[in-house]
C-alpha atoms as a PDB file:
ATOM      1  CA  MET A   1     142.280  18.618  12.524  1.00  0.00           C
ATOM      2  CA  THR A   2     142.277  21.446  10.015  1.00  0.00           C
ATOM      3  CA  LYS A   3     145.400  21.535   7.250  1.00  0.00           C
ATOM      4  CA  THR A   4     145.140  24.776   5.947  1.00  0.00           C
ATOM      5  CA  ILE A   5     147.121  27.761   7.578  1.00  0.00           C
ATOM      6  CA  MET A   6     146.561  31.171   6.399  1.00  0.00           C
ATOM      7  CA  LEU A   7     149.538  33.342   6.731  1.00  0.00           C
ATOM      8  CA  ILE A   8     148.950  37.383   7.370  1.00  0.00           C
ATOM      9  CA  HIS A   9     151.781  39.762   6.598  1.00  0.00           C
ATOM     10  CA  GLY A  10     152.480  43.393   8.117  1.00  0.00           C
ATOM     11  CA  ALA A  11     153.334  46.883   7.085  1.00  0.00           C
ATOM     12  CA  TRP A  12     156.482  47.219   4.586  1.00  0.00           C
ATOM     13  CA  LEU A  13     156.019  43.750   3.510  1.00  0.00           C
ATOM     14  CA  ASN A  14     153.684  41.537   1.312  1.00  0.00           C
ATOM     15  CA  ALA A  15     153.391  38.002   1.002  1.00  0.00           C
ATOM     16  CA  LYS A  16     156.104  37.314  -0.685  1.00  0.00           C
ATOM     17  CA  SER A  17     157.972  37.492   2.917  1.00  0.00           C
ATOM     18  CA  TRP A  18     156.372  34.359   3.605  1.00  0.00           C
ATOM     19  CA  GLU A  19     157.715  32.022   0.966  1.00  0.00           C
ATOM     20  CA  GLY A  20     160.209  30.517   3.474  1.00  0.00           C
ATOM     21  CA  PHE A  21     157.453  29.502   6.028  1.00  0.00           C
ATOM     22  CA  LYS A  22     155.185  28.279   3.221  1.00  0.00           C
ATOM     23  CA  ALA A  23     157.400  25.654   1.432  1.00  0.00           C
ATOM     24  CA  HIS A  24     158.246  24.766   4.919  1.00  0.00           C
ATOM     25  CA  TYR A  25     154.781  24.024   6.273  1.00  0.00           C
ATOM     26  CA  GLU A  26     153.897  22.739   2.656  1.00  0.00           C
ATOM     27  CA  ALA A  27     156.731  20.234   3.004  1.00  0.00           C
ATOM     28  CA  LYS A  28     154.539  18.846   6.534  1.00  0.00           C
ATOM     29  CA  GLY A  29     151.662  18.317   4.357  1.00  0.00           C
ATOM     30  CA  HIS A  30     149.400  21.647   5.081  1.00  0.00           C
ATOM     31  CA  THR A  31     147.530  23.668   2.431  1.00  0.00           C
ATOM     32  CA  VAL A  32     149.103  26.986   2.810  1.00  0.00           C
ATOM     33  CA  VAL A  33     147.620  30.772   1.551  1.00  0.00           C
ATOM     34  CA  ALA A  34     149.139  34.213   1.680  1.00  0.00           C
ATOM     35  CA  PRO A  35     147.127  36.488   0.745  1.00  0.00           C
ATOM     36  CA  ASN A  36     148.548  40.384   0.082  1.00  0.00           C
ATOM     37  CA  TRP A  37     146.866  43.287   1.351  1.00  0.00           C
ATOM     38  CA  PRO A  38     144.983  44.647  -1.263  1.00  0.00           C
ATOM     39  CA  TYR A  39     146.998  46.556  -3.800  1.00  0.00           C
ATOM     40  CA  ASP A  40     150.097  44.804  -2.711  1.00  0.00           C
ATOM     41  CA  ASP A  41     150.106  41.966  -5.053  1.00  0.00           C
ATOM     42  CA  ARG A  42     153.078  42.667  -7.173  1.00  0.00           C
ATOM     43  CA  ASP A  43     156.729  42.170  -6.678  1.00  0.00           C
ATOM     44  CA  PRO A  44     158.289  44.391  -4.159  1.00  0.00           C
ATOM     45  CA  ALA A  45     160.914  45.927  -6.386  1.00  0.00           C
ATOM     46  CA  GLU A  46     157.869  47.273  -8.958  1.00  0.00           C
ATOM     47  CA  LEU A  47     155.713  48.335  -6.042  1.00  0.00           C
ATOM     48  CA  ARG A  48     158.753  50.510  -4.791  1.00  0.00           C
ATOM     49  CA  ALA A  49     159.172  51.809  -7.896  1.00  0.00           C
ATOM     50  CA  ASN A  50     155.422  52.452  -8.872  1.00  0.00           C
ATOM     51  CA  PRO A  51     152.940  51.601  -5.930  1.00  0.00           C
ATOM     52  CA  HIS A  52     149.037  51.492  -6.403  1.00  0.00           C
ATOM     53  CA  PRO A  53     147.739  55.163  -6.160  1.00  0.00           C
ATOM     54  CA  LYS A  54     144.818  53.745  -3.814  1.00  0.00           C
ATOM     55  CA  LEU A  55     147.349  51.739  -1.065  1.00  0.00           C
ATOM     56  CA  LYS A  56     146.508  55.097   0.320  1.00  0.00           C
ATOM     57  CA  GLU A  57     143.369  54.198   1.200  1.00  0.00           C
ATOM     58  CA  ILE A  58     143.885  51.451   2.595  1.00  0.00           C
ATOM     59  CA  GLY A  59     143.426  50.873   6.297  1.00  0.00           C
ATOM     60  CA  VAL A  60     142.693  47.892   9.317  1.00  0.00           C
ATOM     61  CA  LYS A  61     138.745  48.096   8.594  1.00  0.00           C
ATOM     62  CA  GLY A  62     139.706  47.941   4.777  1.00  0.00           C
ATOM     63  CA  ILE A  63     142.282  45.113   5.388  1.00  0.00           C
ATOM     64  CA  VAL A  64     140.436  42.418   7.726  1.00  0.00           C
ATOM     65  CA  ASP A  65     137.449  42.808   5.813  1.00  0.00           C
ATOM     66  CA  HIS A  66     139.553  41.526   2.773  1.00  0.00           C
ATOM     67  CA  LEU A  67     141.123  38.747   5.080  1.00  0.00           C
ATOM     68  CA  GLU A  68     137.624  37.561   6.258  1.00  0.00           C
ATOM     69  CA  ALA A  69     136.412  37.263   2.537  1.00  0.00           C
ATOM     70  CA  GLU A  70     139.662  35.387   1.979  1.00  0.00           C
ATOM     71  CA  ILE A  71     138.879  32.643   4.766  1.00  0.00           C
ATOM     72  CA  ARG A  72     135.373  32.796   3.927  1.00  0.00           C
ATOM     73  CA  LYS A  73     136.591  31.157   0.181  1.00  0.00           C
ATOM     74  CA  LEU A  74     138.146  28.228   2.280  1.00  0.00           C
ATOM     75  CA  PRO A  75     137.173  24.802   2.918  1.00  0.00           C
ATOM     76  CA  GLU A  76     137.449  24.883   6.565  1.00  0.00           C
ATOM     77  CA  GLN A  77     138.552  27.084   9.059  1.00  0.00           C
ATOM     78  CA  PRO A  78     142.629  28.011   9.008  1.00  0.00           C
ATOM     79  CA  ILE A  79     145.198  28.430  11.129  1.00  0.00           C
ATOM     80  CA  LEU A  80     146.012  31.800  11.054  1.00  0.00           C
ATOM     81  CA  ILE A  81     149.733  33.434  11.547  1.00  0.00           C
ATOM     82  CA  GLY A  82     150.276  36.675  11.601  1.00  0.00           C
ATOM     83  CA  HIS A  83     153.572  38.654  11.811  1.00  0.00           C
ATOM     84  CA  SER A  84     153.633  42.093  12.609  1.00  0.00           C
ATOM     85  CA  ALA A  85     150.277  44.234  11.509  1.00  0.00           C
ATOM     86  CA  GLY A  86     149.601  40.702  10.316  1.00  0.00           C
ATOM     87  CA  GLY A  87     149.429  39.590  13.952  1.00  0.00           C
ATOM     88  CA  VAL A  88     147.217  42.903  15.404  1.00  0.00           C
ATOM     89  CA  PHE A  89     145.226  41.337  12.038  1.00  0.00           C
ATOM     90  CA  THR A  90     145.244  37.806  13.451  1.00  0.00           C
ATOM     91  CA  GLN A  91     143.462  38.335  16.695  1.00  0.00           C
ATOM     92  CA  ILE A  92     140.666  40.796  15.212  1.00  0.00           C
ATOM     93  CA  LEU A  93     139.818  37.818  13.117  1.00  0.00           C
ATOM     94  CA  LEU A  94     139.985  35.391  16.104  1.00  0.00           C
ATOM     95  CA  ASP A  95     137.433  38.050  17.849  1.00  0.00           C
ATOM     96  CA  ARG A  96     135.371  38.297  14.907  1.00  0.00           C
ATOM     97  CA  GLY A  97     134.972  34.077  15.215  1.00  0.00           C
ATOM     98  CA  PHE A  98     137.436  33.208  12.216  1.00  0.00           C
ATOM     99  CA  GLY A  99     140.263  30.788  13.148  1.00  0.00           C
ATOM    100  CA  ALA A 100     140.943  27.288  14.292  1.00  0.00           C
ATOM    101  CA  ALA A 101     143.227  28.711  16.489  1.00  0.00           C
ATOM    102  CA  GLY A 102     145.829  31.942  15.596  1.00  0.00           C
ATOM    103  CA  VAL A 103     149.498  32.786  16.371  1.00  0.00           C
ATOM    104  CA  ALA A 104     150.218  36.687  16.317  1.00  0.00           C
ATOM    105  CA  ILE A 105     154.069  37.234  16.017  1.00  0.00           C
ATOM    106  CA  ASP A 106     155.409  40.205  17.357  1.00  0.00           C
ATOM    107  CA  PRO A 107     152.683  41.847  17.539  1.00  0.00           C
ATOM    108  CA  ALA A 108     152.561  45.761  16.582  1.00  0.00           C
ATOM    109  CA  PRO A 109     150.633  48.328  18.434  1.00  0.00           C
ATOM    110  CA  THR A 110     147.093  47.105  19.212  1.00  0.00           C
ATOM    111  CA  THR A 111     143.907  49.477  20.236  1.00  0.00           C
ATOM    112  CA  GLY A 112     143.832  49.366  24.002  1.00  0.00           C
ATOM    113  CA  VAL A 113     147.510  48.596  25.093  1.00  0.00           C
ATOM    114  CA  ARG A 114     150.274  50.945  25.799  1.00  0.00           C
ATOM    115  CA  LEU A 115     152.943  51.393  23.295  1.00  0.00           C
ATOM    116  CA  GLY A 116     156.198  50.275  24.084  1.00  0.00           C
ATOM    117  CA  ILE A 117     159.005  52.735  23.861  1.00  0.00           C
ATOM    118  CA  HIS A 118     160.590  51.156  20.890  1.00  0.00           C
ATOM    119  CA  SER A 119     157.178  51.475  19.270  1.00  0.00           C
ATOM    120  CA  ILE A 120     157.698  54.883  19.753  1.00  0.00           C
ATOM    121  CA  VAL A 121     160.389  55.774  18.088  1.00  0.00           C
ATOM    122  CA  SER A 122     159.505  53.156  15.327  1.00  0.00           C
ATOM    123  CA  ALA A 123     156.362  54.501  14.611  1.00  0.00           C
ATOM    124  CA  LEU A 124     157.821  58.693  14.176  1.00  0.00           C
ATOM    125  CA  PRO A 125     159.028  58.798  10.659  1.00  0.00           C
ATOM    126  CA  VAL A 126     155.581  58.150   9.564  1.00  0.00           C
ATOM    127  CA  LEU A 127     153.134  59.510  12.991  1.00  0.00           C
ATOM    128  CA  GLY A 128     155.758  62.773  12.382  1.00  0.00           C
ATOM    129  CA  SER A 129     155.152  63.198   8.733  1.00  0.00           C
ATOM    130  CA  TRP A 130     152.768  65.721   8.077  1.00  0.00           C
ATOM    131  CA  GLY A 131     149.507  64.339   5.897  1.00  0.00           C
ATOM    132  CA  SER A 132     151.102  60.319   6.512  1.00  0.00           C
ATOM    133  CA  TRP A 133     147.059  59.252   6.929  1.00  0.00           C
ATOM    134  CA  GLY A 134     146.521  60.073   3.525  1.00  0.00           C
ATOM    135  CA  ARG A 135     149.288  59.198   1.695  1.00  0.00           C
ATOM    136  CA  VAL A 136     151.701  55.823   0.709  1.00  0.00           C
ATOM    137  CA  MET A 137     154.875  55.824   2.697  1.00  0.00           C
ATOM    138  CA  HIS A 138     158.514  54.459   2.423  1.00  0.00           C
ATOM    139  CA  MET A 139     160.689  52.409   4.256  1.00  0.00           C
ATOM    140  CA  SER A 140     164.381  54.066   4.302  1.00  0.00           C
ATOM    141  CA  ARG A 141     166.986  51.281   3.967  1.00  0.00           C
ATOM    142  CA  LYS A 142     168.842  52.987   6.972  1.00  0.00           C
ATOM    143  CA  PHE A 143     165.721  52.174   9.464  1.00  0.00           C
ATOM    144  CA  PHE A 144     165.345  48.623   7.699  1.00  0.00           C
ATOM    145  CA  GLY A 145     169.225  48.249   8.806  1.00  0.00           C
ATOM    146  CA  ALA A 146     168.985  49.489  11.956  1.00  0.00           C
ATOM    147  CA  ARG A 147     165.690  49.128  13.958  1.00  0.00           C
ATOM    148  CA  PHE A 148     163.774  46.403  11.865  1.00  0.00           C
ATOM    149  CA  ALA A 149     166.138  44.070  10.949  1.00  0.00           C
ATOM    150  CA  ASN A 150     168.591  44.964  13.784  1.00  0.00           C
ATOM    151  CA  THR A 151     170.225  41.680  14.038  1.00  0.00           C
ATOM    152  CA  LEU A 152     171.921  41.239  10.029  1.00  0.00           C
ATOM    153  CA  PRO A 153     175.021  42.574   8.840  1.00  0.00           C
ATOM    154  CA  PRO A 154     174.399  45.501   6.361  1.00  0.00           C
ATOM    155  CA  GLU A 155     175.109  43.691   3.453  1.00  0.00           C
ATOM    156  CA  LYS A 156     172.688  40.811   4.563  1.00  0.00           C
ATOM    157  CA  ALA A 157     170.158  43.732   5.191  1.00  0.00           C
ATOM    158  CA  ASP A 158     170.698  45.889   1.765  1.00  0.00           C
ATOM    159  CA  TYR A 159     169.594  42.093   0.079  1.00  0.00           C
ATOM    160  CA  TYR A 160     166.551  41.334   2.190  1.00  0.00           C
ATOM    161  CA  TYR A 161     165.225  45.132   1.645  1.00  0.00           C
ATOM    162  CA  ASP A 162     165.836  44.734  -1.742  1.00  0.00           C
ATOM    163  CA  ARG A 163     163.620  40.987  -1.824  1.00  0.00           C
ATOM    164  CA  TYR A 164     160.584  42.044   0.744  1.00  0.00           C
ATOM    165  CA  ILE A 165     160.599  45.431   1.430  1.00  0.00           C
ATOM    166  CA  VAL A 166     157.051  47.358  -0.034  1.00  0.00           C
ATOM    167  CA  PRO A 167     155.384  50.823   0.259  1.00  0.00           C
ATOM    168  CA  THR A 168     152.662  50.850   3.291  1.00  0.00           C
ATOM    169  CA  ALA A 169     149.747  52.856   3.500  1.00  0.00           C
ATOM    170  CA  GLY A 170     150.725  55.313   6.515  1.00  0.00           C
ATOM    171  CA  LYS A 171     146.374  55.363   7.271  1.00  0.00           C
ATOM    172  CA  VAL A 172     147.252  51.865   8.779  1.00  0.00           C
ATOM    173  CA  TYR A 173     149.315  53.378  11.607  1.00  0.00           C
ATOM    174  CA  TRP A 174     146.957  56.135  12.522  1.00  0.00           C
ATOM    175  CA  ASP A 175     144.322  53.360  12.750  1.00  0.00           C
ATOM    176  CA  GLY A 176     146.341  51.019  14.646  1.00  0.00           C
ATOM    177  CA  ILE A 177     147.458  53.307  17.314  1.00  0.00           C
ATOM    178  CA  LEU A 178     144.951  56.637  17.653  1.00  0.00           C
ATOM    179  CA  THR A 179     141.738  55.043  16.816  1.00  0.00           C
ATOM    180  CA  SER A 180     139.607  52.363  17.726  1.00  0.00           C
ATOM    181  CA  VAL A 181     138.772  50.581  14.253  1.00  0.00           C
ATOM    182  CA  GLY A 182     140.909  47.864  15.860  1.00  0.00           C
ATOM    183  CA  LYS A 183     139.123  47.099  19.431  1.00  0.00           C
ATOM    184  CA  ILE A 184     139.319  43.840  20.637  1.00  0.00           C
ATOM    185  CA  ARG A 185     136.894  42.451  23.009  1.00  0.00           C
ATOM    186  CA  TRP A 186     139.460  40.687  25.195  1.00  0.00           C
ATOM    187  CA  ASP A 187     137.162  38.763  27.497  1.00  0.00           C
ATOM    188  CA  ASN A 188     135.613  36.913  24.078  1.00  0.00           C
ATOM    189  CA  PRO A 189     133.798  33.888  24.939  1.00  0.00           C
ATOM    190  CA  SER A 190     134.411  32.359  21.826  1.00  0.00           C
ATOM    191  CA  ARG A 191     137.648  33.098  20.921  1.00  0.00           C
ATOM    192  CA  ALA A 192     139.702  30.567  19.181  1.00  0.00           C
ATOM    193  CA  PRO A 193     143.292  29.242  21.110  1.00  0.00           C
ATOM    194  CA  LEU A 194     146.056  31.789  20.390  1.00  0.00           C
ATOM    195  CA  LEU A 195     149.559  31.887  20.774  1.00  0.00           C
ATOM    196  CA  LEU A 196     151.408  35.617  20.965  1.00  0.00           C
ATOM    197  CA  ILE A 197     155.385  35.800  20.335  1.00  0.00           C
ATOM    198  CA  GLY A 198     157.621  38.138  21.073  1.00  0.00           C
ATOM    199  CA  GLY A 199     161.224  39.328  20.403  1.00  0.00           C
ATOM    200  CA  GLY A 200     163.780  40.545  22.953  1.00  0.00           C
ATOM    201  CA  LEU A 201     165.831  42.107  20.394  1.00  0.00           C
ATOM    202  CA  ASP A 202     162.464  43.504  18.600  1.00  0.00           C
ATOM    203  CA  LEU A 203     163.267  47.014  18.349  1.00  0.00           C
ATOM    204  CA  ILE A 204     159.300  47.195  16.293  1.00  0.00           C
ATOM    205  CA  ALA A 205     157.425  45.956  18.931  1.00  0.00           C
ATOM    206  CA  ASP A 206     158.659  45.465  22.087  1.00  0.00           C
ATOM    207  CA  ALA A 207     158.504  42.355  24.207  1.00  0.00           C
ATOM    208  CA  SER A 208     156.949  44.744  26.916  1.00  0.00           C
ATOM    209  CA  MET A 209     154.186  45.386  24.021  1.00  0.00           C
ATOM    210  CA  THR A 210     153.820  41.517  23.707  1.00  0.00           C
ATOM    211  CA  ARG A 211     153.378  40.683  27.330  1.00  0.00           C
ATOM    212  CA  ALA A 212     150.924  43.538  27.902  1.00  0.00           C
ATOM    213  CA  ILE A 213     148.248  42.538  24.959  1.00  0.00           C
ATOM    214  CA  TYR A 214     148.868  38.725  26.378  1.00  0.00           C
ATOM    215  CA  ASP A 215     147.772  40.081  30.038  1.00  0.00           C
ATOM    216  CA  LYS A 216     144.657  41.537  28.005  1.00  0.00           C
ATOM    217  CA  GLN A 217     144.055  38.582  26.010  1.00  0.00           C
ATOM    218  CA  LYS A 218     144.333  35.689  28.474  1.00  0.00           C
ATOM    219  CA  ARG A 219     140.900  37.291  30.080  1.00  0.00           C
ATOM    220  CA  ALA A 220     139.173  35.298  27.475  1.00  0.00           C
ATOM    221  CA  PRO A 221     138.099  31.734  28.753  1.00  0.00           C
ATOM    222  CA  SER A 222     140.118  30.019  25.748  1.00  0.00           C
ATOM    223  CA  GLU A 223     144.020  28.885  25.673  1.00  0.00           C
ATOM    224  CA  THR A 224     146.236  32.072  25.879  1.00  0.00           C
ATOM    225  CA  VAL A 225     149.884  31.529  26.162  1.00  0.00           C
ATOM    226  CA  LEU A 226     153.065  33.845  25.545  1.00  0.00           C
ATOM    227  CA  LYS A 227     156.203  33.036  24.367  1.00  0.00           C
ATOM    228  CA  ILE A 228     159.253  35.553  24.223  1.00  0.00           C
ATOM    229  CA  PHE A 229     162.311  34.271  22.162  1.00  0.00           C
ATOM    230  CA  GLU A 230     164.691  36.878  23.989  1.00  0.00           C
ATOM    231  CA  ASP A 231     167.905  36.570  20.928  1.00  0.00           C
ATOM    232  CA  ARG A 232     165.449  37.736  18.417  1.00  0.00           C
ATOM    233  CA  SER A 233     164.470  40.790  16.494  1.00  0.00           C
ATOM    234  CA  HIS A 234     161.285  42.234  14.187  1.00  0.00           C
ATOM    235  CA  TRP A 235     163.060  40.368  11.184  1.00  0.00           C
ATOM    236  CA  THR A 236     162.160  36.860  13.127  1.00  0.00           C
ATOM    237  CA  CYS A 237     159.909  35.542  10.403  1.00  0.00           C
ATOM    238  CA  VAL A 238     163.289  35.747   7.749  1.00  0.00           C
ATOM    239  CA  ASP A 239     166.429  36.016   9.959  1.00  0.00           C
ATOM    240  CA  PRO A 240     168.474  33.098  10.234  1.00  0.00           C
ATOM    241  CA  GLY A 241     166.678  30.502  12.338  1.00  0.00           C
ATOM    242  CA  TRP A 242     163.259  31.834  11.494  1.00  0.00           C
ATOM    243  CA  GLU A 243     162.197  27.676  11.283  1.00  0.00           C
ATOM    244  CA  GLN A 244     162.535  27.303  15.010  1.00  0.00           C
ATOM    245  CA  VAL A 245     159.635  29.868  15.169  1.00  0.00           C
ATOM    246  CA  ALA A 246     158.293  28.643  12.627  1.00  0.00           C
ATOM    247  CA  ASP A 247     157.919  25.201  13.932  1.00  0.00           C
ATOM    248  CA  PHE A 248     157.010  26.358  17.150  1.00  0.00           C
ATOM    249  CA  ALA A 249     154.285  28.322  15.883  1.00  0.00           C
ATOM    250  CA  LEU A 250     152.982  25.991  14.468  1.00  0.00           C
ATOM    251  CA  ASP A 251     153.190  22.709  16.817  1.00  0.00           C
ATOM    252  CA  TRP A 252     151.403  24.756  19.523  1.00  0.00           C
ATOM    253  CA  ALA A 253     148.432  25.268  16.854  1.00  0.00           C
ATOM    254  CA  MET A 254     148.316  22.021  15.531  1.00  0.00           C
ATOM    255  CA  ARG A 255     147.677  21.015  19.349  1.00  0.00           C
ATOM    256  CA  HIS A 256     145.564  23.553  20.581  1.00  0.00           C
ATOM    257  CA  ALA A 257     143.334  24.183  17.159  1.00  0.00           C
ATOM    258  CA  ARG A 258     139.439  23.666  17.313  1.00  0.00           C
ATOM    259  CA  PRO A 259     138.279  20.524  15.758  1.00  0.00           C
ATOM    260  CA  ASP A 260     135.157  22.042  14.318  1.00  0.00           C
ATOM    261  CA  THR A 261     137.113  22.886  10.551  1.00  0.00           C
ATOM    262  CA  ALA A 262     133.587  23.060   8.873  1.00  0.00           C
ATOM    263  CA  ASN A 263     133.132  25.324   5.937  1.00  0.00           C
ATOM    264  CA  VAL A 264     133.268  28.589   7.162  1.00  0.00           C
ATOM    265  CA  ALA A 265     130.389  29.799   4.678  1.00  0.00           C
ATOM    266  CA  ARG A 266     128.036  27.175   6.106  1.00  0.00           C
ATOM    267  CA  LEU A 267     128.943  27.945   9.625  1.00  0.00           C
ATOM    268  CA  GLY A 268     127.931  31.106   8.957  1.00  0.00           C
ATOM    269  CA  VAL A 269     130.535  32.938  11.141  1.00  0.00           C
ATOM    270  CA  THR A 270     129.607  36.743  12.475  1.00  0.00           C
ATOM    271  CA  LYS A 271     131.555  39.225  13.862  1.00  0.00           C
ATOM    272  CA  ALA A 272     131.928  39.673  17.812  1.00  0.00           C
ATOM    273  CA  ALA A 273     130.042  42.354  19.671  1.00  0.00           C
END
């Protein structure tokens, strides 16, 4: 049984946002890796003040290829746990044949799935900004408090904004919503088990959209499960009570993880058709 976990962050965050999950899982005896997206490997405050100029060029394919390379360095197939866009990347990596099991938490808009109304509204500041497909974008404090972490009191929202929020590439939005670069084979017969987690108060990735992704993913023969936490927002991996989400995700993944945890490089995993 694998003891390795890879945590995959989404847009507007970097690996620092996983610090609670990482410590929690390590205390249970797991090896936990949380790779940054390319050009995101600095403190959030520094990234906000001075984002890397090449960040604007990063899209879904570049990020997923980077994550695949990180998986290939590991001694065994990891459990993949991703949040938001990281939940989409988790599904793409599973489709490529990686992961002993996968958990997609509040998955962002996914190619081939109709957007929820909240996702449309939340994407407008990026998609409605001319040239955003080739720019580094910044999230406002107002947007963070109103839509990303809408269950937090204002003073807590400011604290978490300062601690975790980073700029992101507008290209990631365009790739995820308007192109087929992240297309997934829903009935992939070799896909590892997958748990989809949604939030009933999520104003970034509607629970209805998580259900729609589940309806697509359950076409695969492997175990596919949906769990909605009705009282949780998109900030669920940091919001008070995040341990409940972390434990549910890991307990399910450990029960359903595939036993074929041999060295990834030796397995020669290939991308799904």
